[in-house]
Amino acid sequence: MPTRPKAQKPKTPRQRMQARRERLRAQGLRPVQHWVPDLRDPRVRAEIQKEIAQLARHPENAEIDAWIEQVYDDSEWR
């Protein structure tokens, strides 16, 4: 009769995360922290809307949009 492997004590969330990080580092990856605008914050949203309005009034806006449309390649997104 085969013997059952000894039951291991469940790992804590901290131990599981450490093991995951070790596996990822073994794959040549490293952790990086990114800070992005918090779109839930009304002040951030208001600032973005203000900047969008300023960009829309830029004197070369039409030319910039035309250039973007000309060079933009979204073929890999489909």
C-alpha atoms as a PDB file:
ATOM      1  CA  MET A   1       0.000   0.000   0.000  1.00  0.00           C
ATOM      2  CA  PRO A   2       1.528   3.357  -1.039  1.00  0.00           C
ATOM      3  CA  THR A   3       2.130   5.888   1.670  1.00  0.00           C
ATOM      4  CA  ARG A   4       0.527   9.276   1.511  1.00  0.00           C
ATOM      5  CA  PRO A   5       2.773  12.301   1.583  1.00  0.00           C
ATOM      6  CA  LYS A   6       2.830  14.065   4.907  1.00  0.00           C
ATOM      7  CA  ALA A   7       0.324  16.936   4.982  1.00  0.00           C
ATOM      8  CA  GLN A   8       2.077  20.258   4.889  1.00  0.00           C
ATOM      9  CA  LYS A   9       1.093  23.139   7.105  1.00  0.00           C
ATOM     10  CA  PRO A  10      -0.772  25.752   5.012  1.00  0.00           C
ATOM     11  CA  LYS A  11       1.388  28.701   4.025  1.00  0.00           C
ATOM     12  CA  THR A  12       0.543  32.174   5.227  1.00  0.00           C
ATOM     13  CA  PRO A  13      -0.317  34.832   2.648  1.00  0.00           C
ATOM     14  CA  ARG A  14       3.111  36.398   3.263  1.00  0.00           C
ATOM     15  CA  GLN A  15       4.859  33.070   2.573  1.00  0.00           C
ATOM     16  CA  ARG A  16       2.822  32.525  -0.598  1.00  0.00           C
ATOM     17  CA  MET A  17       3.677  36.021  -1.857  1.00  0.00           C
ATOM     18  CA  GLN A  18       7.370  35.516  -1.074  1.00  0.00           C
ATOM     19  CA  ALA A  19       7.355  32.205  -2.975  1.00  0.00           C
ATOM     20  CA  ARG A  20       5.641  33.909  -5.931  1.00  0.00           C
ATOM     21  CA  ARG A  21       8.224  36.698  -5.956  1.00  0.00           C
ATOM     22  CA  GLU A  22      11.041  34.151  -5.846  1.00  0.00           C
ATOM     23  CA  ARG A  23       9.536  32.263  -8.819  1.00  0.00           C
ATOM     24  CA  LEU A  24       9.219  35.484 -10.808  1.00  0.00           C
ATOM     25  CA  ARG A  25      12.782  36.558  -9.980  1.00  0.00           C
ATOM     26  CA  ALA A  26      13.980  33.118 -11.074  1.00  0.00           C
ATOM     27  CA  GLN A  27      12.358  33.908 -14.456  1.00  0.00           C
ATOM     28  CA  GLY A  28      14.458  37.070 -14.722  1.00  0.00           C
ATOM     29  CA  LEU A  29      11.707  39.482 -13.676  1.00  0.00           C
ATOM     30  CA  ARG A  30      11.834  42.189 -11.048  1.00  0.00           C
ATOM     31  CA  PRO A  31       9.124  44.130  -9.233  1.00  0.00           C
ATOM     32  CA  VAL A  32       8.400  47.696 -10.329  1.00  0.00           C
ATOM     33  CA  GLN A  33       5.960  50.112  -8.720  1.00  0.00           C
ATOM     34  CA  HIS A  34       3.895  52.397 -10.974  1.00  0.00           C
ATOM     35  CA  TRP A  35       1.956  55.417  -9.821  1.00  0.00           C
ATOM     36  CA  VAL A  36      -0.949  56.433 -12.028  1.00  0.00           C
ATOM     37  CA  PRO A  37      -3.566  59.190 -11.764  1.00  0.00           C
ATOM     38  CA  ASP A  38      -6.466  58.236  -9.502  1.00  0.00           C
ATOM     39  CA  LEU A  39      -9.433  58.763 -11.804  1.00  0.00           C
ATOM     40  CA  ARG A  40     -11.795  58.308  -8.855  1.00  0.00           C
ATOM     41  CA  ASP A  41     -10.568  61.619  -7.409  1.00  0.00           C
ATOM     42  CA  PRO A  42     -12.763  64.511  -8.634  1.00  0.00           C
ATOM     43  CA  ARG A  43      -9.782  66.901  -8.477  1.00  0.00           C
ATOM     44  CA  VAL A  44      -7.757  64.666 -10.787  1.00  0.00           C
ATOM     45  CA  ARG A  45     -10.652  64.330 -13.213  1.00  0.00           C
ATOM     46  CA  ALA A  46     -11.165  68.108 -13.230  1.00  0.00           C
ATOM     47  CA  GLU A  47      -7.475  68.717 -13.955  1.00  0.00           C
ATOM     48  CA  ILE A  48      -7.532  66.195 -16.814  1.00  0.00           C
ATOM     49  CA  GLN A  49     -10.647  67.835 -18.291  1.00  0.00           C
ATOM     50  CA  LYS A  50      -8.965  71.249 -18.022  1.00  0.00           C
ATOM     51  CA  GLU A  51      -5.867  69.963 -19.829  1.00  0.00           C
ATOM     52  CA  ILE A  52      -7.990  68.330 -22.548  1.00  0.00           C
ATOM     53  CA  ALA A  53      -9.791  71.629 -23.148  1.00  0.00           C
ATOM     54  CA  GLN A  54      -6.454  73.445 -23.396  1.00  0.00           C
ATOM     55  CA  LEU A  55      -5.131  70.902 -25.887  1.00  0.00           C
ATOM     56  CA  ALA A  56      -8.305  71.194 -27.981  1.00  0.00           C
ATOM     57  CA  ARG A  57      -7.722  74.954 -28.282  1.00  0.00           C
ATOM     58  CA  HIS A  58      -4.103  74.521 -29.406  1.00  0.00           C
ATOM     59  CA  PRO A  59      -3.589  76.384 -32.691  1.00  0.00           C
ATOM     60  CA  GLU A  60      -2.029  73.343 -34.394  1.00  0.00           C
ATOM     61  CA  ASN A  61      -4.555  70.847 -33.027  1.00  0.00           C
ATOM     62  CA  ALA A  62      -5.963  69.856 -36.441  1.00  0.00           C
ATOM     63  CA  GLU A  63      -2.496  69.299 -37.910  1.00  0.00           C
ATOM     64  CA  ILE A  64      -1.399  67.247 -34.891  1.00  0.00           C
ATOM     65  CA  ASP A  65      -4.547  65.088 -35.095  1.00  0.00           C
ATOM     66  CA  ALA A  66      -3.999  64.544 -38.823  1.00  0.00           C
ATOM     67  CA  TRP A  67      -0.398  63.480 -38.208  1.00  0.00           C
ATOM     68  CA  ILE A  68      -1.416  61.063 -35.444  1.00  0.00           C
ATOM     69  CA  GLU A  69      -4.052  59.499 -37.691  1.00  0.00           C
ATOM     70  CA  GLN A  70      -1.460  59.119 -40.439  1.00  0.00           C
ATOM     71  CA  VAL A  71       1.220  57.388 -38.353  1.00  0.00           C
ATOM     72  CA  TYR A  72      -0.947  55.467 -35.874  1.00  0.00           C
ATOM     73  CA  ASP A  73      -0.885  51.714 -36.414  1.00  0.00           C
ATOM     74  CA  ASP A  74      -3.507  49.732 -34.513  1.00  0.00           C
ATOM     75  CA  SER A  75      -3.259  46.617 -36.699  1.00  0.00           C
ATOM     76  CA  GLU A  76      -1.811  44.577 -33.817  1.00  0.00           C
ATOM     77  CA  TRP A  77      -4.781  45.415 -31.582  1.00  0.00           C
ATOM     78  CA  ARG A  78      -7.293  43.600 -33.766  1.00  0.00           C
END
